[in-house]
PDB file of N, CA and C in Angstrom:
ATOM      1  N   MET A   1     -24.932   3.783  -5.072  1.00  0.00           N
ATOM      2  CA  MET A   1     -24.514   2.463  -4.665  1.00  0.00           C
ATOM      3  C   MET A   1     -25.545   1.863  -3.721  1.00  0.00           C
ATOM      4  N   ALA A   2     -25.639   0.578  -3.733  1.00  0.00           N
ATOM      5  CA  ALA A   2     -26.603  -0.109  -2.879  1.00  0.00           C
ATOM      6  C   ALA A   2     -26.217   0.043  -1.411  1.00  0.00           C
ATOM      7  N   ALA A   3     -27.212  -0.060  -0.564  1.00  0.00           N
ATOM      8  CA  ALA A   3     -26.974   0.060   0.872  1.00  0.00           C
ATOM      9  C   ALA A   3     -26.167  -1.136   1.376  1.00  0.00           C
ATOM     10  N   VAL A   4     -25.310  -0.854   2.331  1.00  0.00           N
ATOM     11  CA  VAL A   4     -24.486  -1.878   2.963  1.00  0.00           C
ATOM     12  C   VAL A   4     -24.888  -1.915   4.430  1.00  0.00           C
ATOM     13  N   SER A   5     -25.176  -3.101   4.950  1.00  0.00           N
ATOM     14  CA  SER A   5     -25.551  -3.196   6.361  1.00  0.00           C
ATOM     15  C   SER A   5     -24.297  -3.351   7.218  1.00  0.00           C
ATOM     16  N   PRO A   6     -24.356  -2.859   8.451  1.00  0.00           N
ATOM     17  CA  PRO A   6     -23.219  -3.031   9.361  1.00  0.00           C
ATOM     18  C   PRO A   6     -22.867  -4.502   9.575  1.00  0.00           C
ATOM     19  N   THR A   7     -23.871  -5.356   9.610  1.00  0.00           N
ATOM     20  CA  THR A   7     -23.619  -6.785   9.794  1.00  0.00           C
ATOM     21  C   THR A   7     -22.868  -7.375   8.613  1.00  0.00           C
ATOM     22  N   ASP A   8     -23.283  -7.009   7.394  1.00  0.00           N
ATOM     23  CA  ASP A   8     -22.593  -7.499   6.199  1.00  0.00           C
ATOM     24  C   ASP A   8     -21.154  -7.000   6.152  1.00  0.00           C
ATOM     25  N   LEU A   9     -20.943  -5.753   6.554  1.00  0.00           N
ATOM     26  CA  LEU A   9     -19.587  -5.206   6.577  1.00  0.00           C
ATOM     27  C   LEU A   9     -18.736  -5.958   7.585  1.00  0.00           C
ATOM     28  N   GLN A  10     -19.290  -6.224   8.761  1.00  0.00           N
ATOM     29  CA  GLN A  10     -18.562  -6.964   9.790  1.00  0.00           C
ATOM     30  C   GLN A  10     -18.160  -8.347   9.290  1.00  0.00           C
ATOM     31  N   LYS A  11     -19.072  -9.045   8.619  1.00  0.00           N
ATOM     32  CA  LYS A  11     -18.763 -10.359   8.059  1.00  0.00           C
ATOM     33  C   LYS A  11     -17.682 -10.265   6.992  1.00  0.00           C
ATOM     34  N   ALA A  12     -17.761  -9.235   6.155  1.00  0.00           N
ATOM     35  CA  ALA A  12     -16.789  -9.070   5.073  1.00  0.00           C
ATOM     36  C   ALA A  12     -15.384  -8.847   5.601  1.00  0.00           C
ATOM     37  N   LEU A  13     -15.275  -8.175   6.744  1.00  0.00           N
ATOM     38  CA  LEU A  13     -13.955  -7.832   7.286  1.00  0.00           C
ATOM     39  C   LEU A  13     -13.481  -8.806   8.368  1.00  0.00           C
ATOM     40  N   SER A  14     -14.203  -9.893   8.537  1.00  0.00           N
ATOM     41  CA  SER A  14     -13.827 -10.892   9.530  1.00  0.00           C
ATOM     42  C   SER A  14     -12.419 -11.415   9.248  1.00  0.00           C
ATOM     43  N   GLY A  15     -11.581 -11.382  10.274  1.00  0.00           N
ATOM     44  CA  GLY A  15     -10.220 -11.892  10.129  1.00  0.00           C
ATOM     45  C   GLY A  15      -9.192 -10.853   9.732  1.00  0.00           C
ATOM     46  N   ALA A  16      -9.608  -9.613   9.542  1.00  0.00           N
ATOM     47  CA  ALA A  16      -8.657  -8.557   9.170  1.00  0.00           C
ATOM     48  C   ALA A  16      -7.734  -8.253  10.343  1.00  0.00           C
ATOM     49  N   ASP A  17      -6.461  -8.064  10.042  1.00  0.00           N
ATOM     50  CA  ASP A  17      -5.468  -7.689  11.058  1.00  0.00           C
ATOM     51  C   ASP A  17      -5.256  -6.189  10.978  1.00  0.00           C
ATOM     52  N   TYR A  18      -5.566  -5.498  12.076  1.00  0.00           N
ATOM     53  CA  TYR A  18      -5.409  -4.042  12.123  1.00  0.00           C
ATOM     54  C   TYR A  18      -4.126  -3.700  12.844  1.00  0.00           C
ATOM     55  N   PRO A  19      -3.507  -2.574  12.478  1.00  0.00           N
ATOM     56  CA  PRO A  19      -3.901  -1.645  11.417  1.00  0.00           C
ATOM     57  C   PRO A  19      -3.663  -2.253  10.035  1.00  0.00           C
ATOM     58  N   CYS A  20      -4.488  -1.820   9.087  1.00  0.00           N
ATOM     59  CA  CYS A  20      -4.334  -2.283   7.712  1.00  0.00           C
ATOM     60  C   CYS A  20      -4.818  -1.199   6.755  1.00  0.00           C
ATOM     61  N   ASP A  21      -4.455  -1.365   5.497  1.00  0.00           N
ATOM     62  CA  ASP A  21      -4.816  -0.352   4.509  1.00  0.00           C
ATOM     63  C   ASP A  21      -6.003  -0.804   3.668  1.00  0.00           C
ATOM     64  N   THR A  22      -6.445   0.094   2.817  1.00  0.00           N
ATOM     65  CA  THR A  22      -7.618  -0.166   1.987  1.00  0.00           C
ATOM     66  C   THR A  22      -7.433  -1.399   1.115  1.00  0.00           C
ATOM     67  N   GLN A  23      -6.259  -1.567   0.550  1.00  0.00           N
ATOM     68  CA  GLN A  23      -5.996  -2.724  -0.311  1.00  0.00           C
ATOM     69  C   GLN A  23      -6.104  -4.023   0.475  1.00  0.00           C
ATOM     70  N   GLN A  24      -5.555  -4.051   1.676  1.00  0.00           N
ATOM     71  CA  GLN A  24      -5.639  -5.254   2.511  1.00  0.00           C
ATOM     72  C   GLN A  24      -7.089  -5.562   2.882  1.00  0.00           C
ATOM     73  N   LEU A  25      -7.857  -4.527   3.222  1.00  0.00           N
ATOM     74  CA  LEU A  25      -9.263  -4.725   3.574  1.00  0.00           C
ATOM     75  C   LEU A  25     -10.064  -5.252   2.388  1.00  0.00           C
ATOM     76  N   THR A  26      -9.769  -4.730   1.208  1.00  0.00           N
ATOM     77  CA  THR A  26     -10.461  -5.205   0.004  1.00  0.00           C
ATOM     78  C   THR A  26     -10.167  -6.679  -0.216  1.00  0.00           C
ATOM     79  N   GLN A  27      -8.919  -7.081  -0.019  1.00  0.00           N
ATOM     80  CA  GLN A  27      -8.538  -8.486  -0.190  1.00  0.00           C
ATOM     81  C   GLN A  27      -9.233  -9.379   0.834  1.00  0.00           C
ATOM     82  N   VAL A  28      -9.297  -8.928   2.082  1.00  0.00           N
ATOM     83  CA  VAL A  28      -9.982  -9.695   3.125  1.00  0.00           C
ATOM     84  C   VAL A  28     -11.453  -9.879   2.748  1.00  0.00           C
ATOM     85  N   ALA A  29     -12.096  -8.803   2.301  1.00  0.00           N
ATOM     86  CA  ALA A  29     -13.511  -8.879   1.917  1.00  0.00           C
ATOM     87  C   ALA A  29     -13.713  -9.855   0.754  1.00  0.00           C
ATOM     88  N   GLN A  30     -12.820  -9.804  -0.227  1.00  0.00           N
ATOM     89  CA  GLN A  30     -12.927 -10.727  -1.362  1.00  0.00           C
ATOM     90  C   GLN A  30     -12.736 -12.166  -0.899  1.00  0.00           C
ATOM     91  N   ASN A  31     -11.781 -12.394  -0.017  1.00  0.00           N
ATOM     92  CA  ASN A  31     -11.540 -13.743   0.507  1.00  0.00           C
ATOM     93  C   ASN A  31     -12.735 -14.258   1.304  1.00  0.00           C
ATOM     94  N   ASN A  32     -13.489 -13.334   1.907  1.00  0.00           N
ATOM     95  CA  ASN A  32     -14.682 -13.702   2.679  1.00  0.00           C
ATOM     96  C   ASN A  32     -15.937 -13.752   1.805  1.00  0.00           C
ATOM     97  N   HIS A  33     -15.748 -13.647   0.495  1.00  0.00           N
ATOM     98  CA  HIS A  33     -16.852 -13.710  -0.473  1.00  0.00           C
ATOM     99  C   HIS A  33     -17.910 -12.648  -0.214  1.00  0.00           C
ATOM    100  N   ALA A  34     -17.441 -11.447   0.108  1.00  0.00           N
ATOM    101  CA  ALA A  34     -18.354 -10.327   0.362  1.00  0.00           C
ATOM    102  C   ALA A  34     -19.037  -9.903  -0.935  1.00  0.00           C
ATOM    103  N   PRO A  35     -20.240  -9.347  -0.828  1.00  0.00           N
ATOM    104  CA  PRO A  35     -20.917  -8.830  -2.020  1.00  0.00           C
ATOM    105  C   PRO A  35     -20.087  -7.751  -2.703  1.00  0.00           C
ATOM    106  N   LYS A  36     -20.265  -7.633  -4.003  1.00  0.00           N
ATOM    107  CA  LYS A  36     -19.521  -6.669  -4.797  1.00  0.00           C
ATOM    108  C   LYS A  36     -19.674  -5.243  -4.267  1.00  0.00           C
ATOM    109  N   GLU A  37     -20.866  -4.899  -3.774  1.00  0.00           N
ATOM    110  CA  GLU A  37     -21.102  -3.549  -3.249  1.00  0.00           C
ATOM    111  C   GLU A  37     -20.136  -3.220  -2.110  1.00  0.00           C
ATOM    112  N   ILE A  38     -19.874  -4.209  -1.267  1.00  0.00           N
ATOM    113  CA  ILE A  38     -18.980  -3.981  -0.130  1.00  0.00           C
ATOM    114  C   ILE A  38     -17.536  -3.839  -0.594  1.00  0.00           C
ATOM    115  N   THR A  39     -17.081  -4.733  -1.446  1.00  0.00           N
ATOM    116  CA  THR A  39     -15.688  -4.641  -1.901  1.00  0.00           C
ATOM    117  C   THR A  39     -15.453  -3.345  -2.662  1.00  0.00           C
ATOM    118  N   GLU A  40     -16.441  -2.896  -3.429  1.00  0.00           N
ATOM    119  CA  GLU A  40     -16.296  -1.627  -4.148  1.00  0.00           C
ATOM    120  C   GLU A  40     -16.228  -0.453  -3.181  1.00  0.00           C
ATOM    121  N   ARG A  41     -17.092  -0.459  -2.186  1.00  0.00           N
ATOM    122  CA  ARG A  41     -17.079   0.627  -1.193  1.00  0.00           C
ATOM    123  C   ARG A  41     -15.728   0.700  -0.498  1.00  0.00           C
ATOM    124  N   ILE A  42     -15.221  -0.439  -0.077  1.00  0.00           N
ATOM    125  CA  ILE A  42     -13.935  -0.472   0.618  1.00  0.00           C
ATOM    126  C   ILE A  42     -12.818   0.011  -0.300  1.00  0.00           C
ATOM    127  N   SER A  43     -12.808  -0.478  -1.528  1.00  0.00           N
ATOM    128  CA  SER A  43     -11.714  -0.124  -2.436  1.00  0.00           C
ATOM    129  C   SER A  43     -11.721   1.359  -2.805  1.00  0.00           C
ATOM    130  N   HIS A  44     -12.863   2.021  -2.660  1.00  0.00           N
ATOM    131  CA  HIS A  44     -12.949   3.443  -3.005  1.00  0.00           C
ATOM    132  C   HIS A  44     -12.793   4.378  -1.801  1.00  0.00           C
ATOM    133  N   LEU A  45     -12.475   3.837  -0.639  1.00  0.00           N
ATOM    134  CA  LEU A  45     -12.271   4.695   0.534  1.00  0.00           C
ATOM    135  C   LEU A  45     -11.020   5.542   0.338  1.00  0.00           C
ATOM    136  N   GLY A  46     -11.135   6.798   0.663  1.00  0.00           N
ATOM    137  CA  GLY A  46     -10.003   7.707   0.487  1.00  0.00           C
ATOM    138  C   GLY A  46      -8.895   7.481   1.494  1.00  0.00           C
ATOM    139  N   LYS A  47      -9.268   7.076   2.698  1.00  0.00           N
ATOM    140  CA  LYS A  47      -8.273   6.884   3.750  1.00  0.00           C
ATOM    141  C   LYS A  47      -7.440   5.653   3.445  1.00  0.00           C
ATOM    142  N   LYS A  48      -6.173   5.747   3.634  1.00  0.00           N
ATOM    143  CA  LYS A  48      -5.282   4.654   3.261  1.00  0.00           C
ATOM    144  C   LYS A  48      -5.056   3.632   4.371  1.00  0.00           C
ATOM    145  N   ARG A  49      -5.152   4.030   5.644  1.00  0.00           N
ATOM    146  CA  ARG A  49      -4.834   3.117   6.746  1.00  0.00           C
ATOM    147  C   ARG A  49      -5.888   3.233   7.849  1.00  0.00           C
ATOM    148  N   PHE A  50      -6.306   2.083   8.352  1.00  0.00           N
ATOM    149  CA  PHE A  50      -7.326   2.034   9.402  1.00  0.00           C
ATOM    150  C   PHE A  50      -6.761   1.319  10.617  1.00  0.00           C
ATOM    151  N   GLN A  51      -7.062   1.858  11.795  1.00  0.00           N
ATOM    152  CA  GLN A  51      -6.547   1.296  13.042  1.00  0.00           C
ATOM    153  C   GLN A  51      -7.445   0.211  13.628  1.00  0.00           C
ATOM    154  N   ASN A  52      -8.743   0.242  13.247  1.00  0.00           N
ATOM    155  CA  ASN A  52      -9.694  -0.713  13.818  1.00  0.00           C
ATOM    156  C   ASN A  52     -10.963  -0.759  12.967  1.00  0.00           C
ATOM    157  N   PRO A  53     -11.844  -1.736  13.221  1.00  0.00           N
ATOM    158  CA  PRO A  53     -13.075  -1.861  12.439  1.00  0.00           C
ATOM    159  C   PRO A  53     -13.988  -0.638  12.541  1.00  0.00           C
ATOM    160  N   ALA A  54     -13.981   0.040  13.690  1.00  0.00           N
ATOM    161  CA  ALA A  54     -14.834   1.218  13.858  1.00  0.00           C
ATOM    162  C   ALA A  54     -14.466   2.317  12.859  1.00  0.00           C
ATOM    163  N   GLU A  55     -13.191   2.495  12.580  1.00  0.00           N
ATOM    164  CA  GLU A  55     -12.759   3.497  11.599  1.00  0.00           C
ATOM    165  C   GLU A  55     -13.252   3.142  10.195  1.00  0.00           C
ATOM    166  N   VAL A  56     -13.249   1.862   9.871  1.00  0.00           N
ATOM    167  CA  VAL A  56     -13.742   1.429   8.564  1.00  0.00           C
ATOM    168  C   VAL A  56     -15.238   1.699   8.474  1.00  0.00           C
ATOM    169  N   SER A  57     -15.982   1.308   9.493  1.00  0.00           N
ATOM    170  CA  SER A  57     -17.429   1.542   9.504  1.00  0.00           C
ATOM    171  C   SER A  57     -17.754   3.012   9.361  1.00  0.00           C
ATOM    172  N   LYS A  58     -17.050   3.844  10.092  1.00  0.00           N
ATOM    173  CA  LYS A  58     -17.282   5.287  10.024  1.00  0.00           C
ATOM    174  C   LYS A  58     -17.057   5.792   8.609  1.00  0.00           C
ATOM    175  N   ALA A  59     -15.993   5.355   7.974  1.00  0.00           N
ATOM    176  CA  ALA A  59     -15.685   5.785   6.599  1.00  0.00           C
ATOM    177  C   ALA A  59     -16.736   5.291   5.609  1.00  0.00           C
ATOM    178  N   ILE A  60     -17.207   4.084   5.781  1.00  0.00           N
ATOM    179  CA  ILE A  60     -18.202   3.510   4.870  1.00  0.00           C
ATOM    180  C   ILE A  60     -19.541   4.195   5.033  1.00  0.00           C
ATOM    181  N   PHE A  61     -19.989   4.371   6.266  1.00  0.00           N
ATOM    182  CA  PHE A  61     -21.357   4.837   6.507  1.00  0.00           C
ATOM    183  C   PHE A  61     -21.512   6.358   6.540  1.00  0.00           C
ATOM    184  N   GLN A  62     -20.428   7.107   6.574  1.00  0.00           N
ATOM    185  CA  GLN A  62     -20.558   8.570   6.573  1.00  0.00           C
ATOM    186  C   GLN A  62     -21.035   9.084   5.224  1.00  0.00           C
ATOM    187  N   ASN A  63     -20.868   8.308   4.180  1.00  0.00           N
ATOM    188  CA  ASN A  63     -21.247   8.763   2.838  1.00  0.00           C
ATOM    189  C   ASN A  63     -22.620   8.280   2.392  1.00  0.00           C
ATOM    190  N   GLU A  64     -23.351   7.616   3.264  1.00  0.00           N
ATOM    191  CA  GLU A  64     -24.691   7.134   2.889  1.00  0.00           C
ATOM    192  C   GLU A  64     -25.720   8.224   3.026  1.00  0.00           C
TER     193      GLU A  64
END
């Protein structure tokens, strides 16, 4: 998968209400017109619920 920058991820998740699940985060990213690489990464996260943006970043970037 293509590299995702922390800045792009932050923009994609702008406006997300935490805690939220993977499906909600994917919807927020789509609503923010995030690149396909980001929405795919989010939708494939194994963890179902995130308490804050740092948890999402950790999950996304640990697999790079």
